[in-house]
Amino acid sequence: MIPARIAIVLLLAVSSVQAAELPTQLSDQEFWRIVTEFSEPSGVFTREFMSNEDSAQFVIPPLQQTMRRGGVYIGVGPEQNFTYVAAIRARIAFVVDIRRDNMLQHLLYKALFELSADRVDFVSRLFSRPRPAALGPTAAVTALFAAYDTAPADPAFHDANVQAVMDQLINRHGFPLSETDKAGITGFMNTFRNAGPSALKGSGDKNLTYVQAMTGTDLTGRHQGYLSSEEVFTFVRDLQRRNLIVPLVGDFAGDKAIVSIGRYLRERDAIVDVFYASNVERYLWDQGDHGRKFYSNAATLPMDQSSTVIRSITSDISRRLGVPLPDGTANWRSFLSPMNDSLKAVNEGRVRTYRELFEVVR
């Protein structure tokens, strides 16, 4: 029999270890506390309904070969984050975007994931189109979207979807959304309904449709998107149901969001495994010292030699920078770089512009 004093010491030791670990689930209150306390005031940038990066899946095979599973993910933007989160089987994910609209869109996605029985149901709810009777959960992603390609939106179904989403976020989770927030989420739902999967596009002059993004592949021809299989979809849905995909309003060069994530991870003895930066650095380096400020913030994130940044640039920018595209048909170039290499180069003064970033860490 263990003496009471020793038992107490052992219990405290175990509690200390557990306190330092990443959570397996966040309560609704803790989720909303993080969203609220880590976020910054909303900034201004082009509104996006979806990604327009046709090279997003190209980096997934090498990412899966080199990254540990069950790690920490940080990203930016809308739905492409789900694909990367699933690719590395992240334990927790933070999505940081300067637009409050992006946070609201992620709350919409959260509710739809949680409400959906499978990915067929998810696409049905996302675009307010009744589920085709013959379409099962094991359907190929191409068949999934082909079935919805000509399906008309259903106004009554849309209204029921809006109500279900609001009930899920406000009544089920208890998130105190303002009238402006609710109007923003409803606006997203209207856009998805009115456009449909074949017409909804990302921003920019070389746009993908939602169908093209979801039915894209890596360079081996394998579908890697978050709707590519029921297994991938279920993984993301499980994280959503446990409140472990946390959307924040934050500027990469701001004073709060990234630094707060870094503090949260250090307190739990965790490191950042993947940081999906897209092409945000381009805009930061174009704004004077914002590029250096971002790297000052990034330096507060706990990381090791395996910590990786995913960057994406358009084909026209890549030609100007002399960065070759991996595929002549791609409008974007996505690639992986060690985060520490970028930090070191900036700290040593070898990177003072966006061009120099690519010259150093290519």
Protein backbone atom coordinates (compact mmCIF):
# COMPACT_ATOMS: atom_id res chain seq x y z
CA MET A 1 0.00 0.00 0.00
CA ILE A 2 1.38 3.45 -0.95
CA PRO A 3 1.75 5.85 2.02
CA ALA A 4 -0.59 8.85 1.84
CA ARG A 5 2.29 11.38 1.61
CA ILE A 6 3.91 9.55 -1.31
CA ALA A 7 0.54 9.18 -3.02
CA ILE A 8 0.00 12.92 -2.81
CA VAL A 9 3.46 13.59 -4.27
CA LEU A 10 2.81 11.17 -7.13
CA LEU A 11 -0.58 12.75 -7.80
CA LEU A 12 0.95 16.20 -7.93
CA ALA A 13 3.67 14.96 -10.28
CA VAL A 14 1.12 13.40 -12.63
CA SER A 15 -1.03 16.54 -12.49
CA SER A 16 2.02 18.65 -13.33
CA VAL A 17 2.76 16.52 -16.39
CA GLN A 18 -0.86 16.63 -17.51
CA ALA A 19 -1.01 20.41 -17.05
CA ALA A 20 1.91 20.80 -19.47
CA GLU A 21 0.25 18.83 -22.25
CA LEU A 22 -1.85 20.05 -25.13
CA PRO A 23 -5.56 19.48 -24.57
CA THR A 24 -7.43 16.62 -26.20
CA GLN A 25 -10.53 18.82 -26.13
CA LEU A 26 -11.37 22.43 -25.37
CA SER A 27 -14.52 23.36 -23.51
CA ASP A 28 -16.78 25.86 -25.26
CA GLN A 29 -15.80 28.46 -22.69
CA GLU A 30 -12.07 27.91 -23.19
CA PHE A 31 -12.42 27.89 -26.97
CA TRP A 32 -14.20 31.23 -26.92
CA ARG A 33 -11.78 32.64 -24.36
CA ILE A 34 -8.87 31.88 -26.70
CA VAL A 35 -10.71 33.28 -29.72
CA THR A 36 -11.49 36.47 -27.79
CA GLU A 37 -8.30 37.01 -25.79
CA PHE A 38 -5.79 36.03 -28.50
CA SER A 39 -7.47 38.03 -31.29
CA GLU A 40 -6.68 41.54 -32.45
CA PRO A 41 -8.89 44.21 -34.06
CA SER A 42 -9.90 43.31 -37.60
CA GLY A 43 -7.83 44.69 -40.44
CA VAL A 44 -8.61 45.32 -44.09
CA PHE A 45 -7.75 42.93 -46.89
CA THR A 46 -9.42 41.40 -49.93
CA ARG A 47 -12.40 39.27 -48.92
CA GLU A 48 -11.97 35.58 -49.69
CA PHE A 49 -14.58 32.86 -49.80
CA MET A 50 -12.08 30.10 -50.61
CA SER A 51 -8.47 29.47 -51.57
CA ASN A 52 -7.30 30.05 -55.12
CA GLU A 53 -4.01 28.11 -54.78
CA ASP A 54 -3.98 25.30 -57.32
CA SER A 55 -0.65 24.03 -55.97
CA ALA A 56 -1.84 23.59 -52.37
CA GLN A 57 -1.78 19.79 -52.52
CA PHE A 58 1.61 19.54 -54.29
CA VAL A 59 3.55 19.76 -51.01
CA ILE A 60 1.52 17.20 -49.09
CA PRO A 61 3.53 14.05 -49.94
CA PRO A 62 6.87 15.54 -48.79
CA LEU A 63 5.13 17.12 -45.82
CA GLN A 64 3.78 13.75 -44.71
CA GLN A 65 7.17 12.12 -45.17
CA THR A 66 8.99 14.60 -42.94
CA MET A 67 6.49 15.82 -40.34
CA ARG A 68 5.55 14.12 -37.09
CA ARG A 69 1.89 13.30 -36.72
CA GLY A 70 -0.21 14.77 -33.95
CA GLY A 71 1.55 18.13 -33.85
CA VAL A 72 0.63 21.81 -33.84
CA TYR A 73 -0.55 23.65 -36.94
CA ILE A 74 -0.84 27.40 -37.59
CA GLY A 75 -2.32 28.70 -40.82
CA VAL A 76 -4.06 31.56 -42.60
CA GLY A 77 -7.10 31.85 -44.84
CA PRO A 78 -10.22 29.71 -45.27
CA GLU A 79 -10.75 26.04 -46.18
CA GLN A 80 -7.29 25.05 -47.44
CA ASN A 81 -6.24 24.81 -43.79
CA PHE A 82 -8.42 21.74 -43.33
CA THR A 83 -6.45 19.91 -46.02
CA TYR A 84 -3.12 20.63 -44.31
CA VAL A 85 -4.47 19.90 -40.83
CA ALA A 86 -5.62 16.49 -42.03
CA ALA A 87 -2.38 15.83 -43.92
CA ILE A 88 -0.27 16.05 -40.74
CA ARG A 89 -3.01 14.73 -38.46
CA ALA A 90 -2.64 17.82 -36.29
CA ARG A 91 -3.54 17.64 -32.63
CA ILE A 92 -4.56 21.31 -32.48
CA ALA A 93 -4.74 24.05 -35.09
CA PHE A 94 -4.86 27.85 -34.98
CA VAL A 95 -5.96 29.85 -38.02
CA VAL A 96 -4.77 33.47 -37.86
CA ASP A 97 -6.17 35.97 -40.37
CA ILE A 98 -6.36 39.75 -40.33
CA ARG A 99 -10.01 39.65 -41.41
CA ARG A 100 -12.72 39.04 -38.82
CA ASP A 101 -14.79 37.70 -41.72
CA ASN A 102 -12.36 34.81 -41.96
CA MET A 103 -12.92 33.93 -38.31
CA LEU A 104 -16.68 34.02 -38.87
CA GLN A 105 -16.36 31.82 -41.94
CA HIS A 106 -14.43 29.29 -39.86
CA LEU A 107 -17.22 29.35 -37.27
CA LEU A 108 -19.65 28.60 -40.09
CA TYR A 109 -17.47 25.69 -41.21
CA LYS A 110 -17.24 24.50 -37.61
CA ALA A 111 -21.01 24.34 -37.27
CA LEU A 112 -21.43 22.58 -40.63
CA PHE A 113 -18.78 19.97 -39.79
CA GLU A 114 -20.44 19.28 -36.46
CA LEU A 115 -23.92 19.01 -37.95
CA SER A 116 -23.00 16.76 -40.86
CA ALA A 117 -23.28 12.98 -40.76
CA ASP A 118 -20.73 12.60 -43.58
CA ARG A 119 -19.10 14.64 -46.33
CA VAL A 120 -22.07 14.23 -48.67
CA ASP A 121 -24.22 15.82 -46.00
CA PHE A 122 -21.56 18.49 -45.46
CA VAL A 123 -21.53 19.59 -49.13
CA SER A 124 -25.32 19.53 -49.10
CA ARG A 125 -25.43 21.88 -46.13
CA LEU A 126 -22.57 24.09 -47.34
CA PHE A 127 -24.28 24.86 -50.64
CA SER A 128 -27.92 24.43 -49.52
CA ARG A 129 -28.64 21.72 -52.05
CA PRO A 130 -30.63 18.61 -51.11
CA ARG A 131 -28.59 15.46 -50.81
CA PRO A 132 -28.81 13.21 -53.89
CA ALA A 133 -30.53 10.01 -52.85
CA ALA A 134 -28.08 7.67 -54.59
CA LEU A 135 -24.89 9.31 -53.29
CA GLY A 136 -23.20 7.40 -50.48
CA PRO A 137 -20.38 8.39 -48.14
CA THR A 138 -17.80 6.30 -50.02
CA ALA A 139 -18.29 8.17 -53.31
CA ALA A 140 -15.16 9.48 -54.99
CA VAL A 141 -14.68 13.21 -54.57
CA THR A 142 -15.17 13.73 -58.32
CA ALA A 143 -18.49 11.86 -58.18
CA LEU A 144 -19.45 13.82 -55.07
CA PHE A 145 -19.19 17.16 -56.81
CA ALA A 146 -20.52 15.90 -60.12
CA ALA A 147 -23.72 15.00 -58.29
CA TYR A 148 -24.09 18.55 -56.99
CA ASP A 149 -22.98 20.25 -60.20
CA THR A 150 -26.44 20.78 -61.62
CA ALA A 151 -28.45 20.52 -58.39
CA PRO A 152 -30.43 23.71 -57.74
CA ALA A 153 -30.39 25.44 -54.38
CA ASP A 154 -33.40 24.91 -52.16
CA PRO A 155 -34.56 28.15 -50.42
CA ALA A 156 -36.39 26.29 -47.64
CA PHE A 157 -33.41 24.04 -47.03
CA HIS A 158 -31.16 27.11 -46.96
CA ASP A 159 -33.34 28.80 -44.33
CA ALA A 160 -33.29 25.65 -42.22
CA ASN A 161 -29.49 25.51 -42.58
CA VAL A 162 -29.10 29.08 -41.41
CA GLN A 163 -31.24 28.34 -38.35
CA ALA A 164 -29.32 25.12 -37.62
CA VAL A 165 -25.96 26.92 -37.82
CA MET A 166 -27.10 29.70 -35.50
CA ASP A 167 -28.55 27.20 -33.05
CA GLN A 168 -25.30 25.22 -33.08
CA LEU A 169 -23.07 28.23 -32.47
CA ILE A 170 -25.25 30.25 -30.11
CA ASN A 171 -27.41 27.73 -28.27
CA ARG A 172 -25.29 24.57 -28.40
CA HIS A 173 -21.88 26.19 -27.87
CA GLY A 174 -22.98 29.40 -26.18
CA PHE A 175 -20.83 31.69 -28.33
CA PRO A 176 -22.00 35.31 -27.81
CA LEU A 177 -22.20 36.34 -31.46
CA SER A 178 -23.20 39.92 -32.16
CA GLU A 179 -25.89 40.85 -34.67
CA THR A 180 -23.08 41.88 -37.03
CA ASP A 181 -21.42 38.50 -36.61
CA LYS A 182 -24.68 36.69 -37.33
CA ALA A 183 -25.26 38.83 -40.39
CA GLY A 184 -21.74 38.03 -41.60
CA ILE A 185 -22.23 34.28 -41.23
CA THR A 186 -25.61 34.48 -42.96
CA GLY A 187 -23.97 36.44 -45.76
CA PHE A 188 -21.42 33.67 -46.30
CA MET A 189 -24.21 31.11 -46.43
CA ASN A 190 -26.06 33.19 -49.00
CA THR A 191 -22.93 33.41 -51.14
CA PHE A 192 -22.36 29.65 -51.05
CA ARG A 193 -26.01 29.00 -51.87
CA ASN A 194 -26.22 31.49 -54.73
CA ALA A 195 -22.93 30.54 -56.38
CA GLY A 196 -22.94 26.78 -55.96
CA PRO A 197 -19.78 24.63 -56.00
CA SER A 198 -19.05 25.12 -59.71
CA ALA A 199 -19.23 28.91 -59.66
CA LEU A 200 -17.85 29.86 -56.24
CA LYS A 201 -14.32 31.18 -56.75
CA GLY A 202 -11.39 32.51 -54.80
CA SER A 203 -10.09 36.03 -55.12
CA GLY A 204 -7.45 37.14 -57.60
CA ASP A 205 -7.15 37.04 -61.35
CA LYS A 206 -6.48 33.30 -61.66
CA ASN A 207 -9.34 31.80 -59.74
CA LEU A 208 -10.18 28.25 -58.86
CA THR A 209 -13.75 27.13 -58.40
CA TYR A 210 -14.65 25.19 -55.27
CA VAL A 211 -15.02 22.06 -57.40
CA GLN A 212 -11.56 22.51 -58.89
CA ALA A 213 -10.00 23.05 -55.47
CA MET A 214 -11.67 20.00 -53.96
CA THR A 215 -11.01 17.70 -56.92
CA GLY A 216 -7.39 18.80 -57.37
CA THR A 217 -4.51 16.43 -56.71
CA ASP A 218 -0.90 16.33 -55.68
CA LEU A 219 1.80 15.88 -58.32
CA THR A 220 1.29 12.11 -58.31
CA GLY A 221 -2.39 12.47 -59.20
CA ARG A 222 -3.68 11.58 -55.74
CA HIS A 223 -6.62 13.50 -54.26
CA GLN A 224 -5.50 15.01 -50.95
CA GLY A 225 -8.20 17.59 -50.17
CA TYR A 226 -10.19 17.56 -46.96
CA LEU A 227 -13.20 16.19 -48.85
CA SER A 228 -11.17 13.59 -50.76
CA SER A 229 -12.37 10.72 -48.57
CA GLU A 230 -14.67 10.05 -45.67
CA GLU A 231 -11.66 9.18 -43.50
CA VAL A 232 -10.02 12.59 -44.08
CA PHE A 233 -13.30 14.43 -43.58
CA THR A 234 -14.00 12.54 -40.36
CA PHE A 235 -10.60 13.48 -38.94
CA VAL A 236 -11.29 17.20 -39.45
CA ARG A 237 -14.85 16.87 -38.15
CA ASP A 238 -13.54 15.21 -34.98
CA LEU A 239 -11.18 18.12 -34.33
CA GLN A 240 -14.04 20.57 -34.88
CA ARG A 241 -16.29 18.69 -32.48
CA ARG A 242 -13.56 18.88 -29.84
CA ASN A 243 -13.04 22.64 -30.44
CA LEU A 244 -9.45 22.08 -31.58
CA ILE A 245 -9.48 24.19 -34.75
CA VAL A 246 -9.34 27.70 -33.30
CA PRO A 247 -9.85 30.71 -35.62
CA LEU A 248 -8.31 34.01 -34.56
CA VAL A 249 -8.38 37.56 -35.87
CA GLY A 250 -4.77 38.57 -36.09
CA ASP A 251 -2.11 40.40 -38.06
CA PHE A 252 1.10 38.40 -38.60
CA ALA A 253 2.92 41.64 -37.73
CA GLY A 254 0.55 42.52 -34.89
CA ASP A 255 1.19 42.63 -31.18
CA LYS A 256 -1.05 39.87 -29.92
CA ALA A 257 -2.25 36.82 -31.87
CA ILE A 258 0.98 35.03 -32.77
CA VAL A 259 2.68 35.97 -29.51
CA SER A 260 -0.34 34.63 -27.57
CA ILE A 261 -0.19 31.32 -29.45
CA GLY A 262 3.51 31.08 -28.67
CA ARG A 263 2.89 31.62 -24.96
CA TYR A 264 0.07 29.06 -24.95
CA LEU A 265 2.27 26.43 -26.61
CA ARG A 266 5.30 27.07 -24.40
CA GLU A 267 3.16 26.66 -21.31
CA ARG A 268 2.19 23.23 -22.61
CA ASP A 269 5.66 22.19 -23.71
CA ALA A 270 4.58 22.04 -27.37
CA ILE A 271 6.20 23.24 -30.58
CA VAL A 272 4.86 24.51 -33.90
CA ASP A 273 5.15 21.76 -36.48
CA VAL A 274 3.69 23.51 -39.55
CA PHE A 275 3.10 27.20 -40.24
CA TYR A 276 1.15 27.78 -43.46
CA ALA A 277 1.96 31.39 -44.39
CA SER A 278 0.57 31.33 -47.96
CA ASN A 279 1.81 34.54 -49.63
CA VAL A 280 1.20 36.83 -46.64
CA GLU A 281 4.92 37.62 -46.33
CA ARG A 282 4.80 39.39 -49.69
CA TYR A 283 2.40 41.99 -48.31
CA LEU A 284 4.30 42.29 -45.03
CA TRP A 285 7.64 43.01 -46.69
CA ASP A 286 5.90 45.59 -48.87
CA GLN A 287 4.84 47.47 -45.70
CA GLY A 288 8.16 48.70 -44.41
CA ASP A 289 9.18 46.96 -41.19
CA HIS A 290 6.18 44.61 -41.07
CA GLY A 291 8.27 41.77 -42.46
CA ARG A 292 10.77 42.02 -39.64
CA LYS A 293 7.95 42.44 -37.13
CA PHE A 294 6.40 39.18 -38.32
CA TYR A 295 9.69 37.37 -37.77
CA SER A 296 10.03 38.97 -34.37
CA ASN A 297 6.62 37.48 -33.56
CA ALA A 298 7.53 34.13 -35.13
CA ALA A 299 10.62 33.98 -32.93
CA THR A 300 8.31 33.74 -29.89
CA LEU A 301 6.85 30.48 -31.22
CA PRO A 302 8.45 27.33 -29.79
CA MET A 303 9.95 25.31 -32.62
CA ASP A 304 12.71 22.88 -33.48
CA GLN A 305 14.67 21.90 -36.58
CA SER A 306 11.68 20.07 -38.04
CA SER A 307 9.31 23.06 -37.82
CA THR A 308 8.24 23.87 -41.37
CA VAL A 309 6.69 26.83 -43.15
CA ILE A 310 4.48 26.37 -46.23
CA ARG A 311 4.73 29.29 -48.65
CA SER A 312 2.71 29.94 -51.78
CA ILE A 313 3.33 32.46 -54.54
CA THR A 314 1.68 33.11 -57.88
CA SER A 315 3.38 32.09 -61.11
CA ASP A 316 3.98 35.69 -62.19
CA ILE A 317 5.67 36.54 -58.89
CA SER A 318 7.68 33.31 -59.05
CA ARG A 319 9.01 34.27 -62.48
CA ARG A 320 10.05 37.68 -61.20
CA LEU A 321 11.80 36.06 -58.25
CA GLY A 322 13.34 33.29 -60.36
CA VAL A 323 11.59 30.53 -58.40
CA PRO A 324 10.73 27.66 -60.80
CA LEU A 325 7.27 26.17 -60.81
CA PRO A 326 7.02 22.44 -60.12
CA ASP A 327 4.42 22.08 -62.85
CA GLY A 328 4.02 24.24 -65.94
CA THR A 329 0.23 24.23 -65.66
CA ALA A 330 0.07 25.59 -62.12
CA ASN A 331 -0.86 29.20 -61.44
CA TRP A 332 0.74 28.95 -57.99
CA ARG A 333 3.91 27.55 -56.49
CA SER A 334 3.77 26.00 -53.00
CA PHE A 335 6.84 24.77 -51.22
CA LEU A 336 8.29 23.87 -47.83
CA SER A 337 11.11 25.56 -45.90
CA PRO A 338 12.57 25.11 -42.39
CA MET A 339 11.20 27.88 -40.17
CA ASN A 340 14.47 28.27 -38.32
CA ASP A 341 16.35 28.96 -41.56
CA SER A 342 14.08 31.91 -42.31
CA LEU A 343 14.36 33.27 -38.78
CA LYS A 344 18.13 33.02 -38.83
CA ALA A 345 18.41 34.75 -42.19
CA VAL A 346 16.21 37.65 -41.08
CA ASN A 347 18.01 38.01 -37.75
CA GLU A 348 21.39 38.07 -39.50
CA GLY A 349 20.22 40.81 -41.86
CA ARG A 350 20.40 38.63 -44.96
CA VAL A 351 16.69 39.13 -45.64
CA ARG A 352 15.34 42.66 -45.92
CA THR A 353 12.90 42.17 -48.80
CA TYR A 354 10.53 39.53 -50.11
CA ARG A 355 12.92 38.76 -52.97
CA GLU A 356 15.82 38.21 -50.59
CA LEU A 357 13.67 35.81 -48.56
CA PHE A 358 13.40 33.54 -51.57
CA GLU A 359 17.05 33.95 -52.50
CA VAL A 360 18.09 32.77 -49.02
CA VAL A 361 15.61 30.01 -48.16
CA ARG A 362 14.75 28.66 -51.63
